[in-house]
């Protein structure tokens, strides 16, 4: 196994594709993780965390949709989810670049 901080940073930042293109924030990190988890040190752990975070964001967004009818609480939830989905990939990309192990908040454990 080799250490490749640049690819790990790219994997974390690839989650932002959803903000730019509307899709790809789950697919690209999933492909990078699946193809490189045996070649790059720490890719397996971080790839699982990224995929779990993206799946959690999708689940939370689906939960917020019916809450829109309930006094607009869903809008606040979607805004909060949007902010988290932009800020934490950037923060964790910087952490990976500095050699730290990143963690994602509110992440459900789909893949362990």
C-alpha atoms as a PDB file:
ATOM      1  CA  UNK A   1       0.000   0.000   0.000  1.00  0.00           C
ATOM      2  CA  UNK A   2       1.122   3.498  -0.713  1.00  0.00           C
ATOM      3  CA  UNK A   3       0.212   6.786   0.892  1.00  0.00           C
ATOM      4  CA  UNK A   4      -1.461   9.273  -1.448  1.00  0.00           C
ATOM      5  CA  UNK A   5      -2.788  12.345   0.339  1.00  0.00           C
ATOM      6  CA  UNK A   6      -3.707  14.047  -2.920  1.00  0.00           C
ATOM      7  CA  UNK A   7      -6.115  11.308  -3.973  1.00  0.00           C
ATOM      8  CA  UNK A   8      -7.669  11.280  -0.494  1.00  0.00           C
ATOM      9  CA  UNK A   9      -8.156  15.061  -0.691  1.00  0.00           C
ATOM     10  CA  UNK A  10      -9.702  14.682  -4.155  1.00  0.00           C
ATOM     11  CA  UNK A  11     -11.996  11.960  -2.825  1.00  0.00           C
ATOM     12  CA  UNK A  12     -13.239  14.242  -0.038  1.00  0.00           C
ATOM     13  CA  UNK A  13     -13.656  17.214  -2.370  1.00  0.00           C
ATOM     14  CA  UNK A  14     -15.432  15.134  -5.026  1.00  0.00           C
ATOM     15  CA  UNK A  15     -18.478  15.203  -2.757  1.00  0.00           C
ATOM     16  CA  UNK A  16     -18.938  18.828  -3.800  1.00  0.00           C
ATOM     17  CA  UNK A  17     -19.874  17.685  -7.312  1.00  0.00           C
ATOM     18  CA  UNK A  18     -23.465  17.531  -6.120  1.00  0.00           C
ATOM     19  CA  UNK A  19     -23.394  21.288  -5.508  1.00  0.00           C
ATOM     20  CA  UNK A  20     -21.933  21.970  -8.946  1.00  0.00           C
ATOM     21  CA  UNK A  21     -23.634  19.423 -11.216  1.00  0.00           C
ATOM     22  CA  UNK A  22     -26.554  18.170  -9.131  1.00  0.00           C
ATOM     23  CA  UNK A  23     -25.225  14.617  -8.974  1.00  0.00           C
ATOM     24  CA  UNK A  24     -21.946  12.770  -8.598  1.00  0.00           C
ATOM     25  CA  UNK A  25     -21.321  13.536  -4.929  1.00  0.00           C
ATOM     26  CA  UNK A  26     -21.960   9.902  -4.068  1.00  0.00           C
ATOM     27  CA  UNK A  27     -20.962   8.168  -7.291  1.00  0.00           C
ATOM     28  CA  UNK A  28     -17.441   9.583  -7.738  1.00  0.00           C
ATOM     29  CA  UNK A  29     -16.240   8.949  -4.148  1.00  0.00           C
ATOM     30  CA  UNK A  30     -17.826   5.482  -4.296  1.00  0.00           C
ATOM     31  CA  UNK A  31     -15.910   4.643  -7.484  1.00  0.00           C
ATOM     32  CA  UNK A  32     -12.640   6.058  -6.098  1.00  0.00           C
ATOM     33  CA  UNK A  33     -13.077   4.109  -2.863  1.00  0.00           C
ATOM     34  CA  UNK A  34     -14.016   0.850  -4.592  1.00  0.00           C
ATOM     35  CA  UNK A  35     -11.097   0.964  -7.016  1.00  0.00           C
ATOM     36  CA  UNK A  36      -8.370   2.275  -4.691  1.00  0.00           C
ATOM     37  CA  UNK A  37      -9.199   0.869  -1.246  1.00  0.00           C
ATOM     38  CA  UNK A  38      -6.608  -1.900  -1.564  1.00  0.00           C
ATOM     39  CA  UNK A  39      -3.906   0.311  -3.090  1.00  0.00           C
ATOM     40  CA  UNK A  40      -3.896   3.435  -0.934  1.00  0.00           C
ATOM     41  CA  UNK A  41      -3.341   3.539   2.800  1.00  0.00           C
ATOM     42  CA  UNK A  42      -6.415   4.818   4.723  1.00  0.00           C
ATOM     43  CA  UNK A  43      -8.619   4.907   1.597  1.00  0.00           C
ATOM     44  CA  UNK A  44     -10.810   2.073   2.903  1.00  0.00           C
ATOM     45  CA  UNK A  45     -11.601   3.833   6.186  1.00  0.00           C
ATOM     46  CA  UNK A  46     -12.081   7.273   4.686  1.00  0.00           C
ATOM     47  CA  UNK A  47     -14.016   5.979   1.692  1.00  0.00           C
ATOM     48  CA  UNK A  48     -16.480   4.233   4.001  1.00  0.00           C
ATOM     49  CA  UNK A  49     -16.905   7.429   6.007  1.00  0.00           C
ATOM     50  CA  UNK A  50     -17.509   9.479   2.865  1.00  0.00           C
ATOM     51  CA  UNK A  51     -20.072   7.032   1.462  1.00  0.00           C
ATOM     52  CA  UNK A  52     -21.824   6.792   4.842  1.00  0.00           C
ATOM     53  CA  UNK A  53     -21.922  10.594   5.053  1.00  0.00           C
ATOM     54  CA  UNK A  54     -23.363  10.953   1.555  1.00  0.00           C
ATOM     55  CA  UNK A  55     -25.994   8.276   2.181  1.00  0.00           C
ATOM     56  CA  UNK A  56     -26.877   9.986   5.472  1.00  0.00           C
ATOM     57  CA  UNK A  57     -27.302  13.318   3.686  1.00  0.00           C
ATOM     58  CA  UNK A  58     -29.676  11.646   1.223  1.00  0.00           C
ATOM     59  CA  UNK A  59     -31.714  10.049   4.032  1.00  0.00           C
ATOM     60  CA  UNK A  60     -31.917  13.317   5.986  1.00  0.00           C
ATOM     61  CA  UNK A  61     -33.001  15.185   2.846  1.00  0.00           C
ATOM     62  CA  UNK A  62     -35.760  12.643   2.183  1.00  0.00           C
ATOM     63  CA  UNK A  63     -36.945  13.016   5.794  1.00  0.00           C
ATOM     64  CA  UNK A  64     -37.051  16.823   5.420  1.00  0.00           C
ATOM     65  CA  UNK A  65     -39.325  16.758   2.366  1.00  0.00           C
ATOM     66  CA  UNK A  66     -42.535  15.828   4.254  1.00  0.00           C
ATOM     67  CA  UNK A  67     -41.526  18.207   7.056  1.00  0.00           C
ATOM     68  CA  UNK A  68     -41.886  21.119   4.624  1.00  0.00           C
ATOM     69  CA  UNK A  69     -45.645  20.753   5.036  1.00  0.00           C
ATOM     70  CA  UNK A  70     -45.238  21.037   8.799  1.00  0.00           C
ATOM     71  CA  UNK A  71     -44.766  24.782   9.312  1.00  0.00           C
ATOM     72  CA  UNK A  72     -41.814  24.840   6.924  1.00  0.00           C
ATOM     73  CA  UNK A  73     -39.484  22.966   9.261  1.00  0.00           C
ATOM     74  CA  UNK A  74     -38.234  20.976   6.295  1.00  0.00           C
ATOM     75  CA  UNK A  75     -36.801  24.127   4.702  1.00  0.00           C
ATOM     76  CA  UNK A  76     -34.678  24.773   7.777  1.00  0.00           C
ATOM     77  CA  UNK A  77     -33.544  21.165   7.764  1.00  0.00           C
ATOM     78  CA  UNK A  78     -32.625  21.301   4.080  1.00  0.00           C
ATOM     79  CA  UNK A  79     -30.671  24.533   4.596  1.00  0.00           C
ATOM     80  CA  UNK A  80     -28.811  22.959   7.530  1.00  0.00           C
ATOM     81  CA  UNK A  81     -28.072  19.817   5.498  1.00  0.00           C
ATOM     82  CA  UNK A  82     -26.867  21.927   2.582  1.00  0.00           C
ATOM     83  CA  UNK A  83     -24.461  23.870   4.785  1.00  0.00           C
ATOM     84  CA  UNK A  84     -23.105  20.695   6.397  1.00  0.00           C
ATOM     85  CA  UNK A  85     -22.687  18.983   3.015  1.00  0.00           C
ATOM     86  CA  UNK A  86     -20.535  21.869   1.781  1.00  0.00           C
ATOM     87  CA  UNK A  87     -18.487  22.679   4.886  1.00  0.00           C
ATOM     88  CA  UNK A  88     -17.448  19.234   6.132  1.00  0.00           C
ATOM     89  CA  UNK A  89     -15.956  17.865   2.896  1.00  0.00           C
ATOM     90  CA  UNK A  90     -13.753  20.969   2.748  1.00  0.00           C
ATOM     91  CA  UNK A  91     -12.769  20.755   6.427  1.00  0.00           C
ATOM     92  CA  UNK A  92     -12.000  17.045   6.119  1.00  0.00           C
ATOM     93  CA  UNK A  93      -9.984  17.544   2.925  1.00  0.00           C
ATOM     94  CA  UNK A  94      -7.797  20.016   4.828  1.00  0.00           C
ATOM     95  CA  UNK A  95      -7.497  17.554   7.730  1.00  0.00           C
ATOM     96  CA  UNK A  96      -6.407  14.762   5.367  1.00  0.00           C
ATOM     97  CA  UNK A  97      -3.844  17.072   3.803  1.00  0.00           C
ATOM     98  CA  UNK A  98      -2.459  17.798   7.292  1.00  0.00           C
ATOM     99  CA  UNK A  99      -2.250  14.080   8.121  1.00  0.00           C
ATOM    100  CA  UNK A 100      -5.227  13.965  10.493  1.00  0.00           C
ATOM    101  CA  UNK A 101      -8.055  11.408  10.357  1.00  0.00           C
ATOM    102  CA  UNK A 102     -11.322  13.161   9.470  1.00  0.00           C
ATOM    103  CA  UNK A 103     -14.762  12.391  10.864  1.00  0.00           C
ATOM    104  CA  UNK A 104     -18.189  13.351   9.582  1.00  0.00           C
ATOM    105  CA  UNK A 105     -20.940  14.453  11.989  1.00  0.00           C
ATOM    106  CA  UNK A 106     -24.454  13.019  11.945  1.00  0.00           C
ATOM    107  CA  UNK A 107     -23.257  10.164   9.757  1.00  0.00           C
ATOM    108  CA  UNK A 108     -25.266   6.964   9.907  1.00  0.00           C
ATOM    109  CA  UNK A 109     -23.289   3.723   9.691  1.00  0.00           C
ATOM    110  CA  UNK A 110     -24.484   2.008   6.496  1.00  0.00           C
ATOM    111  CA  UNK A 111     -21.103   0.486   5.579  1.00  0.00           C
ATOM    112  CA  UNK A 112     -18.839  -0.697   8.372  1.00  0.00           C
END
